Amino acid sequence: MFCVWLGAIALIPVFPAMAQTPSGEQAALVSPSEWQSLWSGANRAALRQALADRARHGLDHLTFLPRDIDDQPAAEAAEAYTKAAMRYADALAQGLVDPSSLHDVYTIARPMPVQAGALRDALRQNRLAQWLDGLAPADPEYRMLSQAYLEANRQTGVPTPGLALAQSIHVGDVHPQVAEIADQLADDGYLTVRPSAAPADLYTQDIADAVKALQRDYGIRADGIVGPDTLGVLTLRPGDRARTLAVALERRRWLSRTPPATRIDVNSAAAELQYYRDGQLIDRRKVIVGEPDRETPPLGSPIYRLVANPTWTVPKSIPVSRATVRAKAMHRINGYWVQPSGPDNALGLVKFDMKNDQAIYLHDTAAPELFGRSQRHLSHGCVRVSDALGFAAMLADQEGVGDTWAKAQASGTYEIVDLPREIPVRLLYHNAFVADDGTVAFRTDPYGWNDAVAVQLGFADAKSRQAKAEAIDIGP
């Protein structure tokens, strides 16, 4: 397996002020005269009230109903109400934006689209408000993100100290945003210890050093001075957090409401893995994911076997020097360089084979020191797992093949251990989420994937900076 994914996000032109219009095929299943009779005054009022509350879902930058709708002829007004209701229902049920239109590859399971018959039934029963309210995710994380969005919206309208370039924050400055900057740097792993004696609004050298590390990772001049570009990466400009949260809500609506109870979720934005067993989160660990321009793709793909002591076939897209060939004891097979099994192998000592046609999988690494980095978007697309051997042993034990796996791993040779059942894996991208302490946490947008979603949600294009990965190794 090669482990190189060359897909990219596709930017498409949109008109941000108006929600996208779906096909009218479903609505046509109900006759125009019936739609006209169903849109009573009460049902029209219910839809208007539901749309007035759309900020709970981060959809308040979009217009669903024309302002003059009730001045139109009855038949045209009924058609407009139907289209608006279907657009809004679809946005709640499976997201306004189709993620497959943004990515060359998107295979994560999505909810089913709304059927026109369901809208018709809700109108007949005068239950439009209840029906719409039941379409969006109802889990605690979605509710917390929703509340955070409403609060961020309120704060966006409150005047805050601006930061023109001439007013940038330097070491020794006192500024009300310093505490927020430090919190974000700590969340992203750049700031480990902050002197407890320092005032919360004092910009210290420790914070400046953390800012320099962030700036290096994002291609900003590494001077430790906080200006507009640095604030943009930290999503701390006015309106940035509301925009990020609106995208986070949309990404949650793309997901199935009933994910597999046993699964592995990799959050590529945060470079973290979560393992759920029978509906309970039982393990989480750091991962290294694809660098910008070689992003880890949004896939839903199960692990079906473990490979002990894997070899690695280097893709032709990755240049290999003569020195590397000698140092890694590589040899050619069918025109490809192949690295033999062993602790120095780029895949480490275990590979978690996944069923997909993108050559994407989880694996160990010969460079575990990279897990100590704050910015872990360093691979060629695959996912390197911290303590992968321990993770493999845990999966094998729980799936009843622990002894077989232990023998295969101890053999020192390439061996395959099939899992009795596949373990679903979702490669997600969430840079706003609920952290362990129950608060909403933010990460940077290393791939710059939020912009295309935000624009279709009615936000201005912020043209986010992507992370700038260093060429550290040739591993997958």
Protein backbone atom coordinates (compact mmCIF):
# COMPACT_ATOMS: atom_id res chain seq x y z
CA MET A 1 0.00 0.00 0.00
CA PHE A 2 1.33 3.41 -0.95
CA CYS A 3 -0.36 5.81 1.46
CA VAL A 4 -0.38 8.93 -0.67
CA TRP A 5 -3.57 10.85 -1.28
CA LEU A 6 -3.44 13.67 -3.78
CA GLY A 7 -7.03 14.86 -3.60
CA ALA A 8 -7.82 18.45 -2.77
CA ILE A 9 -10.76 20.50 -1.67
CA ALA A 10 -12.69 21.87 -4.62
CA LEU A 11 -13.70 25.51 -4.41
CA ILE A 12 -16.98 26.22 -6.17
CA PRO A 13 -18.68 29.57 -6.77
CA VAL A 14 -21.69 30.23 -4.58
CA PHE A 15 -24.04 33.08 -3.75
CA PRO A 16 -23.69 33.27 0.03
CA ALA A 17 -26.82 35.30 0.73
CA MET A 18 -29.26 32.66 -0.51
CA ALA A 19 -29.61 29.03 0.56
CA GLN A 20 -29.02 26.46 -2.16
CA THR A 21 -32.08 25.24 -4.02
CA PRO A 22 -32.61 21.47 -4.20
CA SER A 23 -34.32 19.64 -6.97
CA GLY A 24 -38.09 19.99 -7.03
CA GLU A 25 -38.59 16.33 -7.98
CA GLN A 26 -39.70 15.25 -4.51
CA ALA A 27 -42.01 18.22 -4.03
CA ALA A 28 -43.60 17.44 -7.39
CA LEU A 29 -44.89 14.16 -5.97
CA VAL A 30 -47.55 16.26 -4.22
CA SER A 31 -49.85 18.20 -6.51
CA PRO A 32 -49.60 22.02 -6.57
CA SER A 33 -53.20 22.35 -5.44
CA GLU A 34 -52.53 20.14 -2.41
CA TRP A 35 -49.44 22.17 -1.44
CA GLN A 36 -51.52 25.31 -1.73
CA SER A 37 -54.15 23.93 0.63
CA LEU A 38 -51.53 22.68 3.10
CA TRP A 39 -49.88 26.07 3.51
CA SER A 40 -52.47 27.50 5.84
CA GLY A 41 -51.84 30.67 7.77
CA ALA A 42 -50.80 28.64 10.81
CA ASN A 43 -48.31 26.54 8.85
CA ARG A 44 -46.83 29.63 7.20
CA ALA A 45 -46.41 31.24 10.60
CA ALA A 46 -44.80 28.06 11.96
CA LEU A 47 -42.22 28.05 9.17
CA ARG A 48 -41.47 31.74 9.62
CA GLN A 49 -40.99 31.18 13.36
CA ALA A 50 -38.71 28.20 12.76
CA LEU A 51 -36.60 30.20 10.33
CA ALA A 52 -36.43 33.09 12.78
CA ASP A 53 -34.73 30.64 15.17
CA ARG A 54 -32.22 29.32 12.60
CA ALA A 55 -29.30 30.98 14.41
CA ARG A 56 -29.35 27.98 16.78
CA HIS A 57 -27.96 26.01 13.85
CA GLY A 58 -25.56 28.65 12.51
CA LEU A 59 -27.80 29.25 9.48
CA ASP A 60 -28.73 32.87 10.21
CA HIS A 61 -26.50 34.24 7.43
CA LEU A 62 -28.78 32.65 4.84
CA THR A 63 -32.15 33.71 3.45
CA PHE A 64 -34.68 30.95 2.93
CA LEU A 65 -37.92 32.89 2.33
CA PRO A 66 -38.30 35.95 0.08
CA ARG A 67 -39.52 38.98 2.04
CA ASP A 68 -42.44 39.58 -0.32
CA ILE A 69 -43.59 35.96 -0.34
CA ASP A 70 -47.06 36.69 1.01
CA ASP A 71 -47.62 39.30 -1.70
CA GLN A 72 -47.25 36.69 -4.41
CA PRO A 73 -50.17 34.81 -6.00
CA ALA A 74 -51.35 31.90 -3.86
CA ALA A 75 -49.90 29.18 -6.08
CA GLU A 76 -46.49 30.86 -6.33
CA ALA A 77 -46.43 31.58 -2.60
CA ALA A 78 -47.21 27.93 -1.81
CA GLU A 79 -44.40 26.79 -4.10
CA ALA A 80 -41.96 29.20 -2.43
CA TYR A 81 -42.98 28.05 1.07
CA THR A 82 -42.53 24.42 0.01
CA LYS A 83 -39.08 25.02 -1.43
CA ALA A 84 -38.01 27.00 1.63
CA ALA A 85 -39.28 24.32 3.99
CA MET A 86 -37.51 21.57 2.05
CA ARG A 87 -34.24 23.54 1.89
CA TYR A 88 -34.31 24.22 5.60
CA ALA A 89 -35.32 20.65 6.46
CA ASP A 90 -32.49 19.25 4.35
CA ALA A 91 -30.03 21.69 5.93
CA LEU A 92 -31.02 20.46 9.38
CA ALA A 93 -31.17 16.78 8.45
CA GLN A 94 -27.94 16.35 6.47
CA GLY A 95 -26.34 19.77 6.14
CA LEU A 96 -26.81 22.59 3.67
CA VAL A 97 -23.45 21.91 1.98
CA ASP A 98 -22.78 18.62 0.21
CA PRO A 99 -19.30 17.60 1.44
CA SER A 100 -18.74 15.46 -1.64
CA SER A 101 -18.83 18.69 -3.69
CA LEU A 102 -15.91 20.05 -1.65
CA HIS A 103 -13.58 17.05 -1.72
CA ASP A 104 -12.38 14.72 -4.45
CA VAL A 105 -13.16 11.87 -2.06
CA TYR A 106 -15.73 11.85 0.76
CA THR A 107 -16.99 8.49 1.99
CA ILE A 108 -18.19 9.14 5.57
CA ALA A 109 -21.76 7.91 6.03
CA ARG A 110 -24.36 10.71 5.85
CA PRO A 111 -28.03 10.91 6.89
CA MET A 112 -30.72 10.33 4.30
CA PRO A 113 -32.24 13.40 2.57
CA VAL A 114 -35.64 14.63 3.65
CA GLN A 115 -38.63 13.26 1.72
CA ALA A 116 -41.38 15.56 0.49
CA GLY A 117 -43.93 13.17 1.94
CA ALA A 118 -42.60 13.84 5.43
CA LEU A 119 -43.13 17.58 4.96
CA ARG A 120 -46.62 16.96 3.61
CA ASP A 121 -47.48 14.84 6.66
CA ALA A 122 -46.13 17.45 9.05
CA LEU A 123 -48.26 20.13 7.39
CA ARG A 124 -51.37 17.94 7.42
CA GLN A 125 -50.93 17.29 11.14
CA ASN A 126 -50.04 20.92 11.95
CA ARG A 127 -46.74 19.64 13.41
CA LEU A 128 -44.30 21.52 11.20
CA ALA A 129 -42.38 23.09 14.10
CA GLN A 130 -41.97 19.75 15.94
CA TRP A 131 -40.97 17.96 12.74
CA LEU A 132 -38.27 20.51 11.88
CA ASP A 133 -37.03 20.54 15.45
CA GLY A 134 -36.42 16.79 15.31
CA LEU A 135 -34.22 16.84 12.19
CA ALA A 136 -31.01 18.37 13.56
CA PRO A 137 -28.60 16.42 15.76
CA ALA A 138 -29.80 16.18 19.35
CA ASP A 139 -26.60 15.04 21.05
CA PRO A 140 -24.99 17.06 23.87
CA GLU A 141 -22.02 18.19 21.73
CA TYR A 142 -24.28 19.72 19.08
CA ARG A 143 -26.28 21.55 21.74
CA MET A 144 -23.10 22.93 23.33
CA LEU A 145 -21.75 24.08 19.97
CA SER A 146 -25.10 25.72 19.28
CA GLN A 147 -25.04 27.60 22.57
CA ALA A 148 -21.44 28.65 21.95
CA TYR A 149 -22.41 29.96 18.50
CA LEU A 150 -25.23 32.08 19.90
CA GLU A 151 -22.88 33.49 22.52
CA ALA A 152 -20.17 34.18 19.93
CA ASN A 153 -22.77 35.97 17.81
CA ARG A 154 -23.65 38.21 20.74
CA GLN A 155 -19.98 38.96 21.41
CA THR A 156 -19.37 39.77 17.75
CA GLY A 157 -21.59 42.82 18.14
CA VAL A 158 -19.74 44.02 21.24
CA PRO A 159 -16.89 46.47 20.56
CA THR A 160 -13.48 44.90 21.33
CA PRO A 161 -10.00 46.42 21.24
CA GLY A 162 -8.88 46.34 17.62
CA LEU A 163 -5.42 45.28 16.55
CA ALA A 164 -4.06 47.27 13.67
CA LEU A 165 -0.51 46.29 12.71
CA ALA A 166 0.86 49.36 14.49
CA GLN A 167 -0.98 48.27 17.63
CA SER A 168 0.33 44.70 17.70
CA ILE A 169 1.06 43.06 21.04
CA HIS A 170 4.72 42.88 22.10
CA VAL A 171 6.43 41.34 25.12
CA GLY A 172 5.67 43.45 28.17
CA ASP A 173 2.41 44.85 26.75
CA VAL A 174 -0.82 44.66 28.72
CA HIS A 175 -3.86 43.81 26.57
CA PRO A 176 -7.29 42.33 27.38
CA GLN A 177 -6.91 39.64 24.69
CA VAL A 178 -3.71 38.17 26.15
CA ALA A 179 -5.57 35.69 28.38
CA GLU A 180 -7.58 34.43 25.41
CA ILE A 181 -4.44 34.17 23.28
CA ALA A 182 -2.71 32.16 26.01
CA ASP A 183 -5.70 29.85 26.38
CA GLN A 184 -5.79 29.16 22.64
CA LEU A 185 -2.05 28.52 22.52
CA ALA A 186 -2.40 26.09 25.42
CA ASP A 187 -5.29 24.28 23.71
CA ASP A 188 -3.20 23.92 20.56
CA GLY A 189 -0.25 22.58 22.55
CA TYR A 190 2.10 25.50 21.98
CA LEU A 191 2.03 26.84 25.54
CA THR A 192 2.67 24.22 28.21
CA VAL A 193 3.30 26.30 31.34
CA ARG A 194 2.32 29.85 32.09
CA PRO A 195 3.78 31.58 35.17
CA SER A 196 1.00 31.71 37.74
CA ALA A 197 2.33 34.97 39.15
CA ALA A 198 1.99 36.85 35.85
CA PRO A 199 -1.11 39.02 35.42
CA ALA A 200 -3.59 37.46 32.99
CA ASP A 201 -3.39 40.41 30.60
CA LEU A 202 0.44 40.64 30.53
CA TYR A 203 2.13 39.43 27.35
CA THR A 204 5.13 37.51 28.67
CA GLN A 205 8.17 36.02 26.94
CA ASP A 206 6.77 32.52 27.46
CA ILE A 207 3.66 33.44 25.50
CA ALA A 208 5.77 35.13 22.81
CA ASP A 209 7.89 31.98 22.42
CA ALA A 210 4.71 29.93 21.95
CA VAL A 211 3.50 32.47 19.38
CA LYS A 212 6.80 32.11 17.49
CA ALA A 213 6.28 28.35 17.24
CA LEU A 214 2.76 28.88 15.90
CA GLN A 215 4.01 31.47 13.41
CA ARG A 216 6.66 29.10 12.09
CA ASP A 217 4.03 26.43 11.56
CA TYR A 218 1.78 28.80 9.59
CA GLY A 219 4.31 30.67 7.49
CA ILE A 220 4.06 33.92 9.42
CA ARG A 221 7.20 35.87 10.28
CA ALA A 222 8.32 34.26 13.55
CA ASP A 223 8.85 37.41 15.62
CA GLY A 224 6.57 36.55 18.55
CA ILE A 225 4.51 39.71 17.93
CA VAL A 226 0.75 39.25 17.81
CA GLY A 227 -0.74 41.02 14.81
CA PRO A 228 -3.77 40.48 12.58
CA ASP A 229 -2.31 37.44 10.77
CA THR A 230 -1.53 35.64 14.02
CA LEU A 231 -4.95 36.47 15.45
CA GLY A 232 -6.51 35.07 12.30
CA VAL A 233 -4.79 31.71 12.74
CA LEU A 234 -5.93 31.63 16.38
CA THR A 235 -9.54 32.44 15.36
CA LEU A 236 -9.59 35.37 17.77
CA ARG A 237 -10.63 38.20 15.47
CA PRO A 238 -14.18 39.53 15.91
CA GLY A 239 -16.56 37.08 14.31
CA ASP A 240 -13.95 34.34 13.78
CA ARG A 241 -15.30 32.07 16.49
CA ALA A 242 -18.91 32.45 15.35
CA ARG A 243 -17.80 31.54 11.84
CA THR A 244 -15.82 28.52 13.08
CA LEU A 245 -18.74 27.33 15.21
CA ALA A 246 -21.22 27.67 12.32
CA VAL A 247 -18.95 25.42 10.24
CA ALA A 248 -18.63 23.00 13.17
CA LEU A 249 -22.42 22.72 13.42
CA GLU A 250 -22.66 22.10 9.68
CA ARG A 251 -20.02 19.36 9.81
CA ARG A 252 -21.96 17.63 12.63
CA ARG A 253 -25.10 17.67 10.47
CA TRP A 254 -23.19 15.76 7.79
CA LEU A 255 -22.79 12.81 10.16
CA SER A 256 -25.08 9.87 10.81
CA ARG A 257 -27.14 10.26 13.97
CA THR A 258 -26.41 6.61 14.81
CA PRO A 259 -22.67 6.05 14.38
CA PRO A 260 -21.29 2.56 15.03
CA ALA A 261 -21.10 1.91 18.78
CA THR A 262 -17.59 0.50 18.32
CA ARG A 263 -15.52 2.78 16.12
CA ILE A 264 -12.37 4.86 15.78
CA ASP A 265 -12.75 8.59 15.10
CA VAL A 266 -9.67 10.46 13.91
CA ASN A 267 -9.96 14.25 14.11
CA SER A 268 -7.47 15.45 11.51
CA ALA A 269 -7.85 19.10 12.50
CA ALA A 270 -6.76 18.39 16.08
CA ALA A 271 -4.49 15.42 15.20
CA GLU A 272 -6.18 13.23 17.80
CA LEU A 273 -7.79 9.79 17.82
CA GLN A 274 -10.75 8.61 19.90
CA TYR A 275 -11.69 4.94 20.27
CA TYR A 276 -15.26 4.04 21.23
CA ARG A 277 -16.16 0.56 22.42
CA ASP A 278 -19.84 -0.35 22.76
CA GLY A 279 -20.77 3.33 22.83
CA GLN A 280 -18.19 4.34 25.45
CA LEU A 281 -15.05 6.39 24.84
CA ILE A 282 -12.28 4.14 26.18
CA ASP A 283 -9.10 5.49 24.60
CA ARG A 284 -7.70 8.64 23.05
CA ARG A 285 -4.23 9.37 21.74
CA LYS A 286 -2.21 11.71 19.55
CA VAL A 287 -1.81 11.03 15.86
CA ILE A 288 0.19 12.51 12.99
CA VAL A 289 -1.93 13.24 9.94
CA GLY A 290 -1.43 14.51 6.39
CA GLU A 291 0.38 17.76 5.76
CA PRO A 292 -1.36 20.55 3.82
CA ASP A 293 -1.54 19.64 0.11
CA ARG A 294 -1.30 15.96 1.15
CA GLU A 295 -4.27 16.11 3.53
CA THR A 296 -5.71 13.08 5.25
CA PRO A 297 -8.94 12.64 3.26
CA PRO A 298 -12.41 12.51 4.87
CA LEU A 299 -13.04 8.78 4.68
CA GLY A 300 -15.26 6.25 6.34
CA SER A 301 -13.23 3.06 6.07
CA PRO A 302 -12.94 0.04 8.40
CA ILE A 303 -9.83 -1.66 9.76
CA TYR A 304 -10.03 -5.31 8.75
CA ARG A 305 -6.61 -6.69 9.62
CA LEU A 306 -3.38 -5.98 11.47
CA VAL A 307 -0.03 -6.32 9.72
CA ALA A 308 2.92 -7.17 11.95
CA ASN A 309 6.38 -5.97 10.92
CA PRO A 310 5.18 -4.42 7.65
CA THR A 311 7.30 -3.51 4.65
CA TRP A 312 6.73 -0.18 2.91
CA THR A 313 6.50 0.34 -0.83
CA VAL A 314 7.46 3.97 -1.48
CA PRO A 315 5.12 5.75 -3.91
CA LYS A 316 6.79 7.21 -6.97
CA SER A 317 5.45 10.62 -5.97
CA ILE A 318 7.85 10.62 -3.01
CA PRO A 319 11.46 11.27 -4.09
CA VAL A 320 14.02 8.88 -2.60
CA SER A 321 17.70 9.86 -2.50
CA ARG A 322 20.56 7.42 -2.87
CA ALA A 323 21.54 8.17 0.71
CA THR A 324 18.05 7.19 1.90
CA VAL A 325 18.16 3.97 -0.14
CA ARG A 326 21.42 3.02 1.55
CA ALA A 327 20.41 4.15 5.04
CA LYS A 328 17.04 2.35 4.91
CA ALA A 329 18.39 -0.78 3.12
CA MET A 330 15.78 -0.37 0.37
CA HIS A 331 15.58 -2.58 -2.69
CA ARG A 332 13.61 -2.35 -5.94
CA ILE A 333 10.59 -4.53 -6.70
CA ASN A 334 8.71 -3.98 -9.98
CA GLY A 335 10.13 -0.48 -10.29
CA TYR A 336 9.31 0.63 -6.72
CA TRP A 337 11.62 1.15 -3.78
CA VAL A 338 10.65 -1.15 -0.90
CA GLN A 339 11.79 -0.73 2.68
CA PRO A 340 12.11 -4.03 4.58
CA SER A 341 10.50 -4.84 7.92
CA GLY A 342 12.12 -3.62 11.10
CA PRO A 343 12.07 -0.88 13.72
CA ASP A 344 13.46 1.66 11.21
CA ASN A 345 10.65 1.02 8.72
CA ALA A 346 8.57 4.14 8.00
CA LEU A 347 5.43 2.19 9.00
CA GLY A 348 7.02 1.12 12.27
CA LEU A 349 6.11 -2.33 13.57
CA VAL A 350 2.37 -2.41 12.87
CA LYS A 351 0.03 -1.36 10.11
CA PHE A 352 -3.76 -1.18 10.52
CA ASP A 353 -5.03 -2.11 7.06
CA MET A 354 -8.23 -0.30 6.01
CA LYS A 355 -10.63 -1.03 3.17
CA ASN A 356 -10.47 1.90 0.76
CA ASP A 357 -9.13 2.64 -2.71
CA GLN A 358 -7.08 5.63 -1.54
CA ALA A 359 -4.19 3.66 0.04
CA ILE A 360 -4.95 5.33 3.37
CA TYR A 361 -4.44 3.49 6.65
CA LEU A 362 -3.26 3.81 10.27
CA HIS A 363 0.24 2.75 11.24
CA ASP A 364 3.15 2.94 13.65
CA THR A 365 6.20 5.14 13.04
CA ALA A 366 9.96 5.01 13.36
CA ALA A 367 9.95 8.63 14.56
CA PRO A 368 7.84 8.69 17.75
CA GLU A 369 9.46 11.96 18.87
CA LEU A 370 7.22 13.79 16.39
CA PHE A 371 4.21 13.16 18.63
CA GLY A 372 5.69 15.77 20.96
CA ARG A 373 5.16 18.50 18.38
CA SER A 374 2.26 20.92 18.63
CA GLN A 375 1.64 20.92 14.88
CA ARG A 376 1.34 17.27 13.83
CA HIS A 377 0.21 17.68 10.20
CA LEU A 378 3.36 16.09 8.84
CA SER A 379 2.56 12.87 6.97
CA HIS A 380 1.82 12.12 3.32
CA GLY A 381 -1.84 11.40 4.09
CA CYS A 382 -1.89 8.34 6.32
CA VAL A 383 -2.37 8.42 10.09
CA ARG A 384 0.53 7.61 12.41
CA VAL A 385 -0.69 6.47 15.83
CA SER A 386 1.05 7.16 19.13
CA ASP A 387 2.05 3.88 20.85
CA ALA A 388 0.66 1.99 17.89
CA LEU A 389 1.88 -1.35 19.25
CA GLY A 390 -0.09 -0.81 22.46
CA PHE A 391 -3.14 0.21 20.45
CA ALA A 392 -2.85 -2.85 18.21
CA ALA A 393 -2.53 -5.16 21.22
CA MET A 394 -5.64 -3.63 22.79
CA LEU A 395 -7.70 -4.07 19.61
CA ALA A 396 -6.45 -7.62 19.12
CA ASP A 397 -7.25 -8.60 22.71
CA GLN A 398 -10.75 -7.13 22.51
CA GLU A 399 -11.40 -8.90 19.22
CA GLY A 400 -10.22 -12.25 20.56
CA VAL A 401 -6.99 -12.56 18.55
CA GLY A 402 -4.57 -11.24 21.17
CA ASP A 403 -2.39 -14.37 21.32
CA THR A 404 -2.23 -14.67 17.53
CA TRP A 405 -1.23 -11.02 17.26
CA ALA A 406 1.44 -11.32 19.97
CA LYS A 407 3.05 -14.25 18.15
CA ALA A 408 2.96 -12.46 14.81
CA GLN A 409 4.50 -9.33 16.24
CA ALA A 410 7.21 -11.27 18.08
CA SER A 411 8.18 -13.19 14.94
CA GLY A 412 9.98 -10.19 13.50
CA THR A 413 8.72 -11.09 10.04
CA TYR A 414 5.86 -9.78 7.91
CA GLU A 415 2.65 -11.46 9.09
CA ILE A 416 -1.05 -10.68 8.73
CA VAL A 417 -3.66 -11.14 11.45
CA ASP A 418 -7.26 -10.85 10.25
CA LEU A 419 -9.76 -9.31 12.64
CA PRO A 420 -12.91 -11.38 13.28
CA ARG A 421 -14.98 -8.25 12.62
CA GLU A 422 -14.16 -4.96 10.96
CA ILE A 423 -13.73 -1.85 13.13
CA PRO A 424 -15.20 1.26 11.47
CA VAL A 425 -12.94 4.31 11.21
CA ARG A 426 -14.06 7.86 10.45
CA LEU A 427 -11.46 10.41 9.36
CA LEU A 428 -13.13 13.65 10.45
CA TYR A 429 -12.14 17.33 10.44
CA HIS A 430 -13.40 19.24 13.50
CA ASN A 431 -11.53 22.30 14.72
CA ALA A 432 -14.25 23.21 17.22
CA PHE A 433 -15.45 20.49 19.60
CA VAL A 434 -16.31 19.76 23.21
CA ALA A 435 -13.17 18.94 25.19
CA ASP A 436 -12.75 16.54 28.11
CA ASP A 437 -13.50 19.29 30.62
CA GLY A 438 -16.88 19.98 29.04
CA THR A 439 -15.91 23.29 27.44
CA VAL A 440 -15.92 24.13 23.74
CA ALA A 441 -12.34 23.93 22.46
CA PHE A 442 -10.95 25.51 19.31
CA ARG A 443 -8.07 24.47 17.12
CA THR A 444 -6.58 26.18 14.10
CA ASP A 445 -7.78 25.31 10.58
CA PRO A 446 -4.56 23.70 9.28
CA TYR A 447 -5.97 22.60 5.92
CA GLY A 448 -7.97 25.78 5.30
CA TRP A 449 -11.05 23.63 4.71
CA ASN A 450 -13.43 25.83 6.69
CA ASP A 451 -13.53 28.66 4.16
CA ALA A 452 -15.42 26.80 1.43
CA VAL A 453 -18.05 25.67 3.94
CA ALA A 454 -18.36 29.07 5.61
CA VAL A 455 -18.91 30.87 2.31
CA GLN A 456 -21.82 28.58 1.45
CA LEU A 457 -23.25 29.28 4.92
CA GLY A 458 -23.30 32.98 4.04
CA PHE A 459 -20.06 34.13 5.70
CA ALA A 460 -17.39 36.20 3.98
CA ASP A 461 -14.37 34.38 2.63
CA ALA A 462 -11.63 34.73 5.26
CA LYS A 463 -8.93 33.07 3.14
CA SER A 464 -7.45 31.14 6.07
CA ARG A 465 -3.77 30.38 6.26
CA GLN A 466 -2.79 26.73 5.95
CA ALA A 467 -0.20 25.13 8.16
CA LYS A 468 3.29 24.91 6.66
CA ALA A 469 4.66 21.46 7.39
CA GLU A 470 8.39 20.92 7.47
CA ALA A 471 9.92 18.22 5.28
CA ILE A 472 10.84 15.99 8.22
CA ASP A 473 10.86 12.51 6.71
CA ILE A 474 9.61 10.56 3.72
CA GLY A 475 7.20 8.41 5.70
CA PRO A 476 3.55 7.91 4.70
